[in-house]
């Protein structure tokens, strides 16, 4: 996964700050975590991969 795809997963643009990236990671992780009632393991895995590319 490249940076452009990771930003697309996070629904952010190229000018996103590191703070915005961290906030979006937390929101997606809480939303899609498999242990939550509305969790989605595939979307969570995709968010994790994007985070690995984008984390500062």
C-alpha atoms as a PDB file:
ATOM      1  CA  UNK A   1       0.000   0.000   0.000  1.00  0.00           C
ATOM      2  CA  UNK A   2       1.364   3.404  -0.931  1.00  0.00           C
ATOM      3  CA  UNK A   3       0.728   6.736   0.766  1.00  0.00           C
ATOM      4  CA  UNK A   4      -2.036   7.793  -1.658  1.00  0.00           C
ATOM      5  CA  UNK A   5      -3.994   4.576  -1.043  1.00  0.00           C
ATOM      6  CA  UNK A   6      -3.473   4.872   2.703  1.00  0.00           C
ATOM      7  CA  UNK A   7      -4.828   8.420   2.688  1.00  0.00           C
ATOM      8  CA  UNK A   8      -7.813   7.224   0.674  1.00  0.00           C
ATOM      9  CA  UNK A   9      -8.535   4.534   3.293  1.00  0.00           C
ATOM     10  CA  UNK A  10      -8.360   7.228   5.966  1.00  0.00           C
ATOM     11  CA  UNK A  11     -10.559   9.526   3.824  1.00  0.00           C
ATOM     12  CA  UNK A  12      -7.970  12.308   4.051  1.00  0.00           C
ATOM     13  CA  UNK A  13      -6.209  14.466   1.459  1.00  0.00           C
ATOM     14  CA  UNK A  14      -2.503  15.009   0.800  1.00  0.00           C
ATOM     15  CA  UNK A  15      -2.395  18.053   3.103  1.00  0.00           C
ATOM     16  CA  UNK A  16      -3.549  16.115   6.175  1.00  0.00           C
ATOM     17  CA  UNK A  17      -1.514  16.895   9.274  1.00  0.00           C
ATOM     18  CA  UNK A  18      -0.018  14.212  11.483  1.00  0.00           C
ATOM     19  CA  UNK A  19      -2.624  15.105  14.117  1.00  0.00           C
ATOM     20  CA  UNK A  20      -5.470  14.571  11.639  1.00  0.00           C
ATOM     21  CA  UNK A  21      -3.962  11.227  10.614  1.00  0.00           C
ATOM     22  CA  UNK A  22      -3.731  10.092  14.255  1.00  0.00           C
ATOM     23  CA  UNK A  23      -7.301  11.193  14.985  1.00  0.00           C
ATOM     24  CA  UNK A  24      -8.637   9.404  11.930  1.00  0.00           C
ATOM     25  CA  UNK A  25      -6.684   6.247  12.846  1.00  0.00           C
ATOM     26  CA  UNK A  26      -8.246   6.227  16.303  1.00  0.00           C
ATOM     27  CA  UNK A  27     -11.748   6.793  14.901  1.00  0.00           C
ATOM     28  CA  UNK A  28     -11.389   3.986  12.341  1.00  0.00           C
ATOM     29  CA  UNK A  29      -9.782   1.596  14.822  1.00  0.00           C
ATOM     30  CA  UNK A  30     -12.625   2.083  17.292  1.00  0.00           C
ATOM     31  CA  UNK A  31     -15.257   1.819  14.581  1.00  0.00           C
ATOM     32  CA  UNK A  32     -13.964  -1.334  12.862  1.00  0.00           C
ATOM     33  CA  UNK A  33     -12.251  -3.257  15.686  1.00  0.00           C
ATOM     34  CA  UNK A  34     -13.402  -6.902  15.488  1.00  0.00           C
ATOM     35  CA  UNK A  35     -14.197  -7.043  19.220  1.00  0.00           C
ATOM     36  CA  UNK A  36     -16.863  -4.348  18.857  1.00  0.00           C
ATOM     37  CA  UNK A  37     -20.453  -5.261  17.973  1.00  0.00           C
ATOM     38  CA  UNK A  38     -20.277  -3.353  14.688  1.00  0.00           C
ATOM     39  CA  UNK A  39     -16.689  -4.417  13.957  1.00  0.00           C
ATOM     40  CA  UNK A  40     -15.396  -5.442  10.555  1.00  0.00           C
ATOM     41  CA  UNK A  41     -12.127  -7.384  10.560  1.00  0.00           C
ATOM     42  CA  UNK A  42     -11.394  -6.724   6.874  1.00  0.00           C
ATOM     43  CA  UNK A  43     -11.835  -2.962   7.186  1.00  0.00           C
ATOM     44  CA  UNK A  44      -9.855  -3.010  10.438  1.00  0.00           C
ATOM     45  CA  UNK A  45      -7.003  -4.861   8.737  1.00  0.00           C
ATOM     46  CA  UNK A  46      -7.051  -2.348   5.889  1.00  0.00           C
ATOM     47  CA  UNK A  47      -6.964   0.553   8.370  1.00  0.00           C
ATOM     48  CA  UNK A  48      -4.011  -1.092  10.160  1.00  0.00           C
ATOM     49  CA  UNK A  49      -2.089  -1.391   6.898  1.00  0.00           C
ATOM     50  CA  UNK A  50      -2.800   2.254   6.085  1.00  0.00           C
ATOM     51  CA  UNK A  51      -1.660   3.288   9.573  1.00  0.00           C
ATOM     52  CA  UNK A  52       1.642   1.467   9.087  1.00  0.00           C
ATOM     53  CA  UNK A  53       2.252   3.566   5.978  1.00  0.00           C
ATOM     54  CA  UNK A  54       1.126   6.892   7.469  1.00  0.00           C
ATOM     55  CA  UNK A  55       2.243   6.821  11.094  1.00  0.00           C
ATOM     56  CA  UNK A  56       4.731   9.494  12.051  1.00  0.00           C
END
